[in-house]
Amino acid sequence: MISLGQGIVSCGRPAAALEALRTFPRTPADHRYGPVEGSPELVEAIRQAPFYFNHDMAIALAGCRTVAVPTDDRYHLQPDAIRAAITARTRAVVTITPNNPSGAVYPESALRAIVRA
């Protein structure tokens, strides 16, 4: 078993995040508390591509390459899509449940379907 336990992040910041900092704040209101659920722009960006980089970083540190497979509209696994992404070079299938950042908990049946793939 390989532990993907979290530690201290040692990778650089994404270029897009650094660029966004150069233009912040756009307005004086950017310094105030916003909606509890988050800014609409950020919520929409996360909705389009929810991804937690620490798992990807741990996989890269293990000398592997991540192949992301889309989830359904509830952020649940699609065993058929995972099965289609498996090649002769596949060495592992990594699932994180509950999923971070979506919070989705994968049903046992989906996890068993992936194991059978």
PDB file of N, CA and C in Angstrom:
ATOM      1  N   MET A   1       0.849  -1.168   0.000  1.00  0.00           N
ATOM      2  CA  MET A   1       0.000   0.000   0.000  1.00  0.00           C
ATOM      3  C   MET A   1       0.898   1.235   0.000  1.00  0.00           C
ATOM      4  N   ILE A   2       0.507   2.231  -0.771  1.00  0.00           N
ATOM      5  CA  ILE A   2       1.237   3.495  -0.818  1.00  0.00           C
ATOM      6  C   ILE A   2       0.398   4.540  -0.108  1.00  0.00           C
ATOM      7  N   SER A   3       0.986   5.185   0.885  1.00  0.00           N
ATOM      8  CA  SER A   3       0.266   6.225   1.616  1.00  0.00           C
ATOM      9  C   SER A   3       0.236   7.511   0.804  1.00  0.00           C
ATOM     10  N   LEU A   4      -0.943   8.061   0.632  1.00  0.00           N
ATOM     11  CA  LEU A   4      -1.073   9.365   0.005  1.00  0.00           C
ATOM     12  C   LEU A   4      -1.409  10.410   1.066  1.00  0.00           C
ATOM     13  N   GLY A   5      -0.985  10.127   2.319  1.00  0.00           N
ATOM     14  CA  GLY A   5      -1.210  11.064   3.403  1.00  0.00           C
ATOM     15  C   GLY A   5      -0.567  12.401   3.085  1.00  0.00           C
ATOM     16  N   GLN A   6      -1.188  13.448   3.551  1.00  0.00           N
ATOM     17  CA  GLN A   6      -0.711  14.778   3.213  1.00  0.00           C
ATOM     18  C   GLN A   6       0.421  15.221   4.122  1.00  0.00           C
ATOM     19  N   GLY A   7       1.269  16.002   3.562  1.00  0.00           N
ATOM     20  CA  GLY A   7       2.356  16.623   4.305  1.00  0.00           C
ATOM     21  C   GLY A   7       2.405  18.092   3.946  1.00  0.00           C
ATOM     22  N   ILE A   8       3.552  18.643   4.002  1.00  0.00           N
ATOM     23  CA  ILE A   8       3.720  20.051   3.661  1.00  0.00           C
ATOM     24  C   ILE A   8       3.940  20.174   2.166  1.00  0.00           C
ATOM     25  N   VAL A   9       3.222  21.059   1.542  1.00  0.00           N
ATOM     26  CA  VAL A   9       3.335  21.251   0.096  1.00  0.00           C
ATOM     27  C   VAL A   9       4.703  21.835  -0.219  1.00  0.00           C
ATOM     28  N   SER A  10       5.395  21.215  -1.166  1.00  0.00           N
ATOM     29  CA  SER A  10       6.730  21.696  -1.509  1.00  0.00           C
ATOM     30  C   SER A  10       6.852  22.067  -2.981  1.00  0.00           C
ATOM     31  N   CYS A  11       5.725  22.125  -3.684  1.00  0.00           N
ATOM     32  CA  CYS A  11       5.802  22.484  -5.101  1.00  0.00           C
ATOM     33  C   CYS A  11       5.504  23.972  -5.258  1.00  0.00           C
ATOM     34  N   GLY A  12       5.880  24.496  -6.410  1.00  0.00           N
ATOM     35  CA  GLY A  12       5.659  25.907  -6.681  1.00  0.00           C
ATOM     36  C   GLY A  12       4.196  26.234  -6.894  1.00  0.00           C
ATOM     37  N   ARG A  13       3.881  27.514  -6.876  1.00  0.00           N
ATOM     38  CA  ARG A  13       2.505  27.940  -7.102  1.00  0.00           C
ATOM     39  C   ARG A  13       2.189  27.884  -8.586  1.00  0.00           C
ATOM     40  N   PRO A  14       0.939  27.560  -8.938  1.00  0.00           N
ATOM     41  CA  PRO A  14       0.557  27.556 -10.351  1.00  0.00           C
ATOM     42  C   PRO A  14       0.690  28.954 -10.947  1.00  0.00           C
ATOM     43  N   ALA A  15       1.174  29.041 -12.172  1.00  0.00           N
ATOM     44  CA  ALA A  15       1.367  30.322 -12.844  1.00  0.00           C
ATOM     45  C   ALA A  15       0.070  31.126 -12.900  1.00  0.00           C
ATOM     46  N   ALA A  16      -1.061  30.451 -13.125  1.00  0.00           N
ATOM     47  CA  ALA A  16      -2.345  31.157 -13.204  1.00  0.00           C
ATOM     48  C   ALA A  16      -2.684  31.830 -11.875  1.00  0.00           C
ATOM     49  N   ALA A  17      -2.344  31.181 -10.751  1.00  0.00           N
ATOM     50  CA  ALA A  17      -2.619  31.779  -9.441  1.00  0.00           C
ATOM     51  C   ALA A  17      -1.746  33.011  -9.221  1.00  0.00           C
ATOM     52  N   LEU A  18      -0.480  32.931  -9.607  1.00  0.00           N
ATOM     53  CA  LEU A  18       0.413  34.075  -9.461  1.00  0.00           C
ATOM     54  C   LEU A  18      -0.052  35.243 -10.325  1.00  0.00           C
ATOM     55  N   GLU A  19      -0.498  34.950 -11.531  1.00  0.00           N
ATOM     56  CA  GLU A  19      -0.993  36.001 -12.419  1.00  0.00           C
ATOM     57  C   GLU A  19      -2.244  36.659 -11.840  1.00  0.00           C
ATOM     58  N   ALA A  20      -3.133  35.872 -11.257  1.00  0.00           N
ATOM     59  CA  ALA A  20      -4.353  36.415 -10.663  1.00  0.00           C
ATOM     60  C   ALA A  20      -4.024  37.349  -9.504  1.00  0.00           C
ATOM     61  N   LEU A  21      -2.973  37.042  -8.757  1.00  0.00           N
ATOM     62  CA  LEU A  21      -2.592  37.908  -7.645  1.00  0.00           C
ATOM     63  C   LEU A  21      -2.146  39.293  -8.125  1.00  0.00           C
ATOM     64  N   ARG A  22      -1.575  39.343  -9.316  1.00  0.00           N
ATOM     65  CA  ARG A  22      -1.105  40.630  -9.845  1.00  0.00           C
ATOM     66  C   ARG A  22      -2.265  41.598 -10.117  1.00  0.00           C
ATOM     67  N   THR A  23      -3.441  41.071 -10.377  1.00  0.00           N
ATOM     68  CA  THR A  23      -4.582  41.925 -10.690  1.00  0.00           C
ATOM     69  C   THR A  23      -5.543  42.079  -9.517  1.00  0.00           C
ATOM     70  N   PHE A  24      -5.220  41.502  -8.366  1.00  0.00           N
ATOM     71  CA  PHE A  24      -6.091  41.584  -7.202  1.00  0.00           C
ATOM     72  C   PHE A  24      -5.610  42.727  -6.315  1.00  0.00           C
ATOM     73  N   PRO A  25      -6.422  43.524  -5.718  1.00  0.00           N
ATOM     74  CA  PRO A  25      -7.873  43.552  -5.834  1.00  0.00           C
ATOM     75  C   PRO A  25      -8.309  44.336  -7.067  1.00  0.00           C
ATOM     76  N   ARG A  26      -9.403  43.927  -7.626  1.00  0.00           N
ATOM     77  CA  ARG A  26      -9.955  44.649  -8.773  1.00  0.00           C
ATOM     78  C   ARG A  26     -10.778  45.841  -8.312  1.00  0.00           C
ATOM     79  N   THR A  27     -11.454  45.677  -7.177  1.00  0.00           N
ATOM     80  CA  THR A  27     -12.274  46.757  -6.628  1.00  0.00           C
ATOM     81  C   THR A  27     -12.073  46.796  -5.116  1.00  0.00           C
ATOM     82  N   PRO A  28     -12.389  47.913  -4.472  1.00  0.00           N
ATOM     83  CA  PRO A  28     -12.279  47.970  -3.005  1.00  0.00           C
ATOM     84  C   PRO A  28     -13.123  46.899  -2.313  1.00  0.00           C
ATOM     85  N   ALA A  29     -14.221  46.487  -2.927  1.00  0.00           N
ATOM     86  CA  ALA A  29     -15.095  45.474  -2.316  1.00  0.00           C
ATOM     87  C   ALA A  29     -14.411  44.113  -2.218  1.00  0.00           C
ATOM     88  N   ASP A  30     -13.349  43.897  -2.977  1.00  0.00           N
ATOM     89  CA  ASP A  30     -12.642  42.607  -2.925  1.00  0.00           C
ATOM     90  C   ASP A  30     -12.030  42.336  -1.550  1.00  0.00           C
ATOM     91  N   HIS A  31     -11.890  43.389  -0.730  1.00  0.00           N
ATOM     92  CA  HIS A  31     -11.314  43.218   0.603  1.00  0.00           C
ATOM     93  C   HIS A  31     -12.360  42.910   1.667  1.00  0.00           C
ATOM     94  N   ARG A  32     -13.622  42.896   1.298  1.00  0.00           N
ATOM     95  CA  ARG A  32     -14.701  42.643   2.252  1.00  0.00           C
ATOM     96  C   ARG A  32     -15.079  41.170   2.232  1.00  0.00           C
ATOM     97  N   TYR A  33     -15.758  40.750   3.299  1.00  0.00           N
ATOM     98  CA  TYR A  33     -16.297  39.390   3.311  1.00  0.00           C
ATOM     99  C   TYR A  33     -17.304  39.255   2.184  1.00  0.00           C
ATOM    100  N   GLY A  34     -17.268  38.135   1.515  1.00  0.00           N
ATOM    101  CA  GLY A  34     -18.207  37.891   0.423  1.00  0.00           C
ATOM    102  C   GLY A  34     -19.244  36.866   0.819  1.00  0.00           C
ATOM    103  N   PRO A  35     -19.937  36.306  -0.151  1.00  0.00           N
ATOM    104  CA  PRO A  35     -20.948  35.289   0.137  1.00  0.00           C
ATOM    105  C   PRO A  35     -20.326  34.076   0.846  1.00  0.00           C
ATOM    106  N   VAL A  36     -21.052  33.505   1.776  1.00  0.00           N
ATOM    107  CA  VAL A  36     -20.558  32.357   2.536  1.00  0.00           C
ATOM    108  C   VAL A  36     -20.170  31.208   1.611  1.00  0.00           C
ATOM    109  N   GLU A  37     -20.945  31.000   0.554  1.00  0.00           N
ATOM    110  CA  GLU A  37     -20.671  29.887  -0.358  1.00  0.00           C
ATOM    111  C   GLU A  37     -19.498  30.162  -1.292  1.00  0.00           C
ATOM    112  N   GLY A  38     -18.939  31.373  -1.255  1.00  0.00           N
ATOM    113  CA  GLY A  38     -17.804  31.736  -2.091  1.00  0.00           C
ATOM    114  C   GLY A  38     -18.214  32.694  -3.184  1.00  0.00           C
ATOM    115  N   SER A  39     -17.225  33.306  -3.804  1.00  0.00           N
ATOM    116  CA  SER A  39     -17.535  34.250  -4.872  1.00  0.00           C
ATOM    117  C   SER A  39     -18.114  33.481  -6.060  1.00  0.00           C
ATOM    118  N   PRO A  40     -19.092  34.050  -6.732  1.00  0.00           N
ATOM    119  CA  PRO A  40     -19.706  33.349  -7.865  1.00  0.00           C
ATOM    120  C   PRO A  40     -18.692  32.916  -8.925  1.00  0.00           C
ATOM    121  N   GLU A  41     -17.685  33.758  -9.200  1.00  0.00           N
ATOM    122  CA  GLU A  41     -16.654  33.392 -10.183  1.00  0.00           C
ATOM    123  C   GLU A  41     -15.898  32.143  -9.753  1.00  0.00           C
ATOM    124  N   LEU A  42     -15.494  32.109  -8.477  1.00  0.00           N
ATOM    125  CA  LEU A  42     -14.727  30.976  -7.973  1.00  0.00           C
ATOM    126  C   LEU A  42     -15.585  29.716  -7.922  1.00  0.00           C
ATOM    127  N   VAL A  43     -16.815  29.857  -7.456  1.00  0.00           N
ATOM    128  CA  VAL A  43     -17.719  28.701  -7.389  1.00  0.00           C
ATOM    129  C   VAL A  43     -17.901  28.095  -8.780  1.00  0.00           C
ATOM    130  N   GLU A  44     -18.081  28.941  -9.796  1.00  0.00           N
ATOM    131  CA  GLU A  44     -18.260  28.441 -11.161  1.00  0.00           C
ATOM    132  C   GLU A  44     -16.982  27.779 -11.680  1.00  0.00           C
ATOM    133  N   ALA A  45     -15.830  28.365 -11.371  1.00  0.00           N
ATOM    134  CA  ALA A  45     -14.561  27.774 -11.810  1.00  0.00           C
ATOM    135  C   ALA A  45     -14.359  26.394 -11.193  1.00  0.00           C
ATOM    136  N   ILE A  46     -14.671  26.260  -9.917  1.00  0.00           N
ATOM    137  CA  ILE A  46     -14.532  24.957  -9.249  1.00  0.00           C
ATOM    138  C   ILE A  46     -15.550  23.970  -9.799  1.00  0.00           C
ATOM    139  N   ARG A  47     -16.761  24.446 -10.077  1.00  0.00           N
ATOM    140  CA  ARG A  47     -17.800  23.582 -10.627  1.00  0.00           C
ATOM    141  C   ARG A  47     -17.341  22.987 -11.967  1.00  0.00           C
ATOM    142  N   GLN A  48     -16.629  23.780 -12.778  1.00  0.00           N
ATOM    143  CA  GLN A  48     -16.171  23.323 -14.088  1.00  0.00           C
ATOM    144  C   GLN A  48     -15.014  22.325 -13.963  1.00  0.00           C
ATOM    145  N   ALA A  49     -14.173  22.448 -12.958  1.00  0.00           N
ATOM    146  CA  ALA A  49     -12.980  21.563 -12.838  1.00  0.00           C
ATOM    147  C   ALA A  49     -12.597  21.350 -11.401  1.00  0.00           C
ATOM    148  N   PRO A  50     -13.440  20.644 -10.586  1.00  0.00           N
ATOM    149  CA  PRO A  50     -13.053  20.415  -9.184  1.00  0.00           C
ATOM    150  C   PRO A  50     -11.872  19.454  -9.125  1.00  0.00           C
ATOM    151  N   PHE A  51     -10.828  19.896  -8.504  1.00  0.00           N
ATOM    152  CA  PHE A  51      -9.599  19.108  -8.483  1.00  0.00           C
ATOM    153  C   PHE A  51      -8.788  19.514  -7.270  1.00  0.00           C
ATOM    154  N   TYR A  52      -8.260  18.548  -6.577  1.00  0.00           N
ATOM    155  CA  TYR A  52      -7.418  18.823  -5.423  1.00  0.00           C
ATOM    156  C   TYR A  52      -6.008  18.374  -5.780  1.00  0.00           C
ATOM    157  N   PHE A  53      -5.098  19.336  -5.878  1.00  0.00           N
ATOM    158  CA  PHE A  53      -3.774  19.089  -6.431  1.00  0.00           C
ATOM    159  C   PHE A  53      -2.897  18.173  -5.600  1.00  0.00           C
ATOM    160  N   ASN A  54      -3.105  18.062  -4.293  1.00  0.00           N
ATOM    161  CA  ASN A  54      -2.194  17.288  -3.453  1.00  0.00           C
ATOM    162  C   ASN A  54      -2.125  15.821  -3.861  1.00  0.00           C
ATOM    163  N   HIS A  55      -3.250  15.247  -4.265  1.00  0.00           N
ATOM    164  CA  HIS A  55      -3.235  13.848  -4.680  1.00  0.00           C
ATOM    165  C   HIS A  55      -2.426  13.695  -5.963  1.00  0.00           C
ATOM    166  N   ASP A  56      -2.594  14.618  -6.886  1.00  0.00           N
ATOM    167  CA  ASP A  56      -1.831  14.588  -8.131  1.00  0.00           C
ATOM    168  C   ASP A  56      -0.342  14.732  -7.851  1.00  0.00           C
ATOM    169  N   MET A  57       0.004  15.607  -6.923  1.00  0.00           N
ATOM    170  CA  MET A  57       1.404  15.813  -6.565  1.00  0.00           C
ATOM    171  C   MET A  57       2.013  14.533  -5.984  1.00  0.00           C
ATOM    172  N   ALA A  58       1.276  13.846  -5.120  1.00  0.00           N
ATOM    173  CA  ALA A  58       1.782  12.610  -4.532  1.00  0.00           C
ATOM    174  C   ALA A  58       1.978  11.542  -5.596  1.00  0.00           C
ATOM    175  N   ILE A  59       1.084  11.487  -6.550  1.00  0.00           N
ATOM    176  CA  ILE A  59       1.202  10.512  -7.634  1.00  0.00           C
ATOM    177  C   ILE A  59       2.440  10.831  -8.480  1.00  0.00           C
ATOM    178  N   ALA A  60       2.663  12.119  -8.761  1.00  0.00           N
ATOM    179  CA  ALA A  60       3.848  12.524  -9.529  1.00  0.00           C
ATOM    180  C   ALA A  60       5.130  12.192  -8.766  1.00  0.00           C
ATOM    181  N   LEU A  61       5.130  12.408  -7.454  1.00  0.00           N
ATOM    182  CA  LEU A  61       6.306  12.083  -6.648  1.00  0.00           C
ATOM    183  C   LEU A  61       6.614  10.586  -6.670  1.00  0.00           C
ATOM    184  N   ALA A  62       5.598   9.770  -6.905  1.00  0.00           N
ATOM    185  CA  ALA A  62       5.794   8.316  -6.998  1.00  0.00           C
ATOM    186  C   ALA A  62       6.279   7.909  -8.386  1.00  0.00           C
ATOM    187  N   GLY A  63       6.511   8.908  -9.263  1.00  0.00           N
ATOM    188  CA  GLY A  63       7.017   8.616 -10.596  1.00  0.00           C
ATOM    189  C   GLY A  63       5.943   8.229 -11.588  1.00  0.00           C
ATOM    190  N   CYS A  64       4.710   8.582 -11.274  1.00  0.00           N
ATOM    191  CA  CYS A  64       3.597   8.215 -12.150  1.00  0.00           C
ATOM    192  C   CYS A  64       2.994   9.463 -12.779  1.00  0.00           C
ATOM    193  N   ARG A  65       2.143   9.254 -13.757  1.00  0.00           N
ATOM    194  CA  ARG A  65       1.448  10.344 -14.453  1.00  0.00           C
ATOM    195  C   ARG A  65      -0.045  10.145 -14.263  1.00  0.00           C
ATOM    196  N   THR A  66      -0.718  11.220 -13.921  1.00  0.00           N
ATOM    197  CA  THR A  66      -2.163  11.170 -13.719  1.00  0.00           C
ATOM    198  C   THR A  66      -2.892  11.258 -15.051  1.00  0.00           C
ATOM    199  N   VAL A  67      -3.877  10.413 -15.214  1.00  0.00           N
ATOM    200  CA  VAL A  67      -4.796  10.500 -16.343  1.00  0.00           C
ATOM    201  C   VAL A  67      -6.165  10.761 -15.721  1.00  0.00           C
ATOM    202  N   ALA A  68      -6.632  11.998 -15.820  1.00  0.00           N
ATOM    203  CA  ALA A  68      -7.912  12.349 -15.207  1.00  0.00           C
ATOM    204  C   ALA A  68      -9.058  11.791 -16.043  1.00  0.00           C
ATOM    205  N   VAL A  69     -10.040  11.252 -15.359  1.00  0.00           N
ATOM    206  CA  VAL A  69     -11.234  10.708 -16.019  1.00  0.00           C
ATOM    207  C   VAL A  69     -12.432  11.479 -15.478  1.00  0.00           C
ATOM    208  N   PRO A  70     -13.279  12.006 -16.356  1.00  0.00           N
ATOM    209  CA  PRO A  70     -14.407  12.818 -15.882  1.00  0.00           C
ATOM    210  C   PRO A  70     -15.387  12.027 -15.027  1.00  0.00           C
ATOM    211  N   THR A  71     -16.027  12.742 -14.119  1.00  0.00           N
ATOM    212  CA  THR A  71     -17.084  12.161 -13.302  1.00  0.00           C
ATOM    213  C   THR A  71     -18.422  12.538 -13.925  1.00  0.00           C
ATOM    214  N   ASP A  72     -19.509  12.069 -13.302  1.00  0.00           N
ATOM    215  CA  ASP A  72     -20.825  12.475 -13.791  1.00  0.00           C
ATOM    216  C   ASP A  72     -21.178  13.838 -13.195  1.00  0.00           C
ATOM    217  N   ASP A  73     -22.390  14.301 -13.402  1.00  0.00           N
ATOM    218  CA  ASP A  73     -22.758  15.638 -12.939  1.00  0.00           C
ATOM    219  C   ASP A  73     -22.895  15.759 -11.423  1.00  0.00           C
ATOM    220  N   ARG A  74     -22.847  14.615 -10.714  1.00  0.00           N
ATOM    221  CA  ARG A  74     -22.852  14.635  -9.243  1.00  0.00           C
ATOM    222  C   ARG A  74     -21.453  14.347  -8.693  1.00  0.00           C
ATOM    223  N   TYR A  75     -20.443  14.373  -9.564  1.00  0.00           N
ATOM    224  CA  TYR A  75     -19.052  14.095  -9.212  1.00  0.00           C
ATOM    225  C   TYR A  75     -18.831  12.647  -8.789  1.00  0.00           C
ATOM    226  N   HIS A  76     -19.677  11.757  -9.295  1.00  0.00           N
ATOM    227  CA  HIS A  76     -19.507  10.335  -8.999  1.00  0.00           C
ATOM    228  C   HIS A  76     -18.719   9.666 -10.112  1.00  0.00           C
ATOM    229  N   LEU A  77     -18.097   8.561  -9.749  1.00  0.00           N
ATOM    230  CA  LEU A  77     -17.289   7.800 -10.700  1.00  0.00           C
ATOM    231  C   LEU A  77     -18.129   7.279 -11.857  1.00  0.00           C
ATOM    232  N   GLN A  78     -17.491   7.153 -12.997  1.00  0.00           N
ATOM    233  CA  GLN A  78     -18.091   6.509 -14.164  1.00  0.00           C
ATOM    234  C   GLN A  78     -17.211   5.303 -14.503  1.00  0.00           C
ATOM    235  N   PRO A  79     -17.543   4.139 -13.942  1.00  0.00           N
ATOM    236  CA  PRO A  79     -16.691   2.961 -14.160  1.00  0.00           C
ATOM    237  C   PRO A  79     -16.391   2.683 -15.630  1.00  0.00           C
ATOM    238  N   ASP A  80     -17.348   2.899 -16.531  1.00  0.00           N
ATOM    239  CA  ASP A  80     -17.085   2.666 -17.955  1.00  0.00           C
ATOM    240  C   ASP A  80     -16.017   3.615 -18.489  1.00  0.00           C
ATOM    241  N   ALA A  81     -16.044   4.859 -18.051  1.00  0.00           N
ATOM    242  CA  ALA A  81     -15.042   5.832 -18.492  1.00  0.00           C
ATOM    243  C   ALA A  81     -13.665   5.473 -17.947  1.00  0.00           C
ATOM    244  N   ILE A  82     -13.625   4.999 -16.712  1.00  0.00           N
ATOM    245  CA  ILE A  82     -12.351   4.571 -16.124  1.00  0.00           C
ATOM    246  C   ILE A  82     -11.828   3.353 -16.876  1.00  0.00           C
ATOM    247  N   ARG A  83     -12.708   2.410 -17.124  1.00  0.00           N
ATOM    248  CA  ARG A  83     -12.325   1.202 -17.870  1.00  0.00           C
ATOM    249  C   ARG A  83     -11.753   1.581 -19.238  1.00  0.00           C
ATOM    250  N   ALA A  84     -12.369   2.552 -19.909  1.00  0.00           N
ATOM    251  CA  ALA A  84     -11.909   2.978 -21.239  1.00  0.00           C
ATOM    252  C   ALA A  84     -10.551   3.677 -21.171  1.00  0.00           C
ATOM    253  N   ALA A  85     -10.203   4.263 -20.026  1.00  0.00           N
ATOM    254  CA  ALA A  85      -8.929   4.974 -19.889  1.00  0.00           C
ATOM    255  C   ALA A  85      -7.767   4.043 -19.543  1.00  0.00           C
ATOM    256  N   ILE A  86      -8.065   2.825 -19.157  1.00  0.00           N
ATOM    257  CA  ILE A  86      -7.011   1.878 -18.777  1.00  0.00           C
ATOM    258  C   ILE A  86      -6.309   1.363 -20.025  1.00  0.00           C
ATOM    259  N   THR A  87      -4.975   1.418 -19.992  1.00  0.00           N
ATOM    260  CA  THR A  87      -4.160   0.921 -21.103  1.00  0.00           C
ATOM    261  C   THR A  87      -3.155  -0.091 -20.569  1.00  0.00           C
ATOM    262  N   ALA A  88      -2.331  -0.602 -21.439  1.00  0.00           N
ATOM    263  CA  ALA A  88      -1.279  -1.544 -21.029  1.00  0.00           C
ATOM    264  C   ALA A  88      -0.274  -0.880 -20.089  1.00  0.00           C
ATOM    265  N   ARG A  89      -0.202   0.448 -20.120  1.00  0.00           N
ATOM    266  CA  ARG A  89       0.747   1.172 -19.262  1.00  0.00           C
ATOM    267  C   ARG A  89       0.155   1.523 -17.895  1.00  0.00           C
ATOM    268  N   THR A  90      -1.122   1.284 -17.683  1.00  0.00           N
ATOM    269  CA  THR A  90      -1.775   1.612 -16.411  1.00  0.00           C
ATOM    270  C   THR A  90      -1.195   0.734 -15.306  1.00  0.00           C
ATOM    271  N   ARG A  91      -0.797   1.375 -14.225  1.00  0.00           N
ATOM    272  CA  ARG A  91      -0.239   0.644 -13.080  1.00  0.00           C
ATOM    273  C   ARG A  91      -1.125   0.727 -11.850  1.00  0.00           C
ATOM    274  N   ALA A  92      -2.018   1.716 -11.819  1.00  0.00           N
ATOM    275  CA  ALA A  92      -2.896   1.888 -10.652  1.00  0.00           C
ATOM    276  C   ALA A  92      -4.088   2.748 -11.042  1.00  0.00           C
ATOM    277  N   VAL A  93      -5.163   2.561 -10.312  1.00  0.00           N
ATOM    278  CA  VAL A  93      -6.331   3.438 -10.416  1.00  0.00           C
ATOM    279  C   VAL A  93      -6.516   4.019  -9.020  1.00  0.00           C
ATOM    280  N   VAL A  94      -6.469   5.336  -8.923  1.00  0.00           N
ATOM    281  CA  VAL A  94      -6.572   6.013  -7.634  1.00  0.00           C
ATOM    282  C   VAL A  94      -7.930   6.696  -7.551  1.00  0.00           C
ATOM    283  N   THR A  95      -8.663   6.401  -6.512  1.00  0.00           N
ATOM    284  CA  THR A  95      -9.924   7.084  -6.233  1.00  0.00           C
ATOM    285  C   THR A  95      -9.832   7.667  -4.831  1.00  0.00           C
ATOM    286  N   ILE A  96     -10.443   8.806  -4.631  1.00  0.00           N
ATOM    287  CA  ILE A  96     -10.429   9.467  -3.333  1.00  0.00           C
ATOM    288  C   ILE A  96     -11.886   9.613  -2.896  1.00  0.00           C
ATOM    289  N   THR A  97     -12.246   8.950  -1.804  1.00  0.00           N
ATOM    290  CA  THR A  97     -13.607   9.024  -1.311  1.00  0.00           C
ATOM    291  C   THR A  97     -13.591   9.154   0.209  1.00  0.00           C
ATOM    292  N   PRO A  98     -14.253  10.157   0.771  1.00  0.00           N
ATOM    293  CA  PRO A  98     -15.017  11.171   0.078  1.00  0.00           C
ATOM    294  C   PRO A  98     -14.087  12.013  -0.792  1.00  0.00           C
ATOM    295  N   ASN A  99     -14.615  12.398  -1.934  1.00  0.00           N
ATOM    296  CA  ASN A  99     -13.841  13.160  -2.896  1.00  0.00           C
ATOM    297  C   ASN A  99     -13.565  14.554  -2.373  1.00  0.00           C
ATOM    298  N   ASN A 100     -12.360  15.002  -2.593  1.00  0.00           N
ATOM    299  CA  ASN A 100     -11.980  16.347  -2.215  1.00  0.00           C
ATOM    300  C   ASN A 100     -11.707  17.105  -3.504  1.00  0.00           C
ATOM    301  N   PRO A 101     -12.379  18.141  -3.852  1.00  0.00           N
ATOM    302  CA  PRO A 101     -13.135  19.043  -2.989  1.00  0.00           C
ATOM    303  C   PRO A 101     -14.644  18.882  -3.053  1.00  0.00           C
ATOM    304  N   SER A 102     -15.179  17.948  -3.853  1.00  0.00           N
ATOM    305  CA  SER A 102     -16.635  17.900  -4.046  1.00  0.00           C
ATOM    306  C   SER A 102     -17.388  17.316  -2.861  1.00  0.00           C
ATOM    307  N   GLY A 103     -16.749  16.452  -2.088  1.00  0.00           N
ATOM    308  CA  GLY A 103     -17.416  15.801  -0.964  1.00  0.00           C
ATOM    309  C   GLY A 103     -18.202  14.563  -1.354  1.00  0.00           C
ATOM    310  N   ALA A 104     -18.201  14.209  -2.643  1.00  0.00           N
ATOM    311  CA  ALA A 104     -18.942  13.023  -3.098  1.00  0.00           C
ATOM    312  C   ALA A 104     -18.367  11.767  -2.450  1.00  0.00           C
ATOM    313  N   VAL A 105     -19.255  10.896  -2.001  1.00  0.00           N
ATOM    314  CA  VAL A 105     -18.861   9.594  -1.449  1.00  0.00           C
ATOM    315  C   VAL A 105     -19.265   8.551  -2.472  1.00  0.00           C
ATOM    316  N   TYR A 106     -18.295   7.805  -2.962  1.00  0.00           N
ATOM    317  CA  TYR A 106     -18.568   6.849  -4.023  1.00  0.00           C
ATOM    318  C   TYR A 106     -19.258   5.609  -3.475  1.00  0.00           C
ATOM    319  N   PRO A 107     -20.285   5.138  -4.168  1.00  0.00           N
ATOM    320  CA  PRO A 107     -20.968   3.925  -3.714  1.00  0.00           C
ATOM    321  C   PRO A 107     -20.063   2.710  -3.860  1.00  0.00           C
ATOM    322  N   GLU A 108     -20.255   1.761  -2.964  1.00  0.00           N
ATOM    323  CA  GLU A 108     -19.460   0.531  -2.991  1.00  0.00           C
ATOM    324  C   GLU A 108     -19.552  -0.158  -4.350  1.00  0.00           C
ATOM    325  N   SER A 109     -20.729  -0.141  -4.964  1.00  0.00           N
ATOM    326  CA  SER A 109     -20.904  -0.811  -6.250  1.00  0.00           C
ATOM    327  C   SER A 109     -19.990  -0.215  -7.323  1.00  0.00           C
ATOM    328  N   ALA A 110     -19.803   1.104  -7.313  1.00  0.00           N
ATOM    329  CA  ALA A 110     -18.920   1.743  -8.292  1.00  0.00           C
ATOM    330  C   ALA A 110     -17.468   1.358  -8.039  1.00  0.00           C
ATOM    331  N   LEU A 111     -17.067   1.332  -6.777  1.00  0.00           N
ATOM    332  CA  LEU A 111     -15.693   0.953  -6.448  1.00  0.00           C
ATOM    333  C   LEU A 111     -15.427  -0.506  -6.831  1.00  0.00           C
ATOM    334  N   ARG A 112     -16.399  -1.381  -6.579  1.00  0.00           N
ATOM    335  CA  ARG A 112     -16.227  -2.801  -6.976  1.00  0.00           C
ATOM    336  C   ARG A 112     -16.136  -2.939  -8.490  1.00  0.00           C
ATOM    337  N   ALA A 113     -16.922  -2.151  -9.224  1.00  0.00           N
ATOM    338  CA  ALA A 113     -16.886  -2.197 -10.702  1.00  0.00           C
ATOM    339  C   ALA A 113     -15.507  -1.794 -11.210  1.00  0.00           C
ATOM    340  N   ILE A 114     -14.890  -0.835 -10.549  1.00  0.00           N
ATOM    341  CA  ILE A 114     -13.552  -0.399 -10.964  1.00  0.00           C
ATOM    342  C   ILE A 114     -12.522  -1.473 -10.655  1.00  0.00           C
ATOM    343  N   VAL A 115     -12.644  -2.126  -9.520  1.00  0.00           N
ATOM    344  CA  VAL A 115     -11.717  -3.202  -9.167  1.00  0.00           C
ATOM    345  C   VAL A 115     -11.799  -4.328 -10.185  1.00  0.00           C
ATOM    346  N   ARG A 116     -13.007  -4.602 -10.675  1.00  0.00           N
ATOM    347  CA  ARG A 116     -13.173  -5.660 -11.690  1.00  0.00           C
ATOM    348  C   ARG A 116     -12.634  -5.258 -13.047  1.00  0.00           C
ATOM    349  N   ALA A 117     -12.442  -3.939 -13.264  1.00  0.00           N
ATOM    350  CA  ALA A 117     -11.944  -3.466 -14.568  1.00  0.00           C
ATOM    351  C   ALA A 117     -10.548  -3.966 -14.756  1.00  0.00           C
TER     352      ALA A 117
END
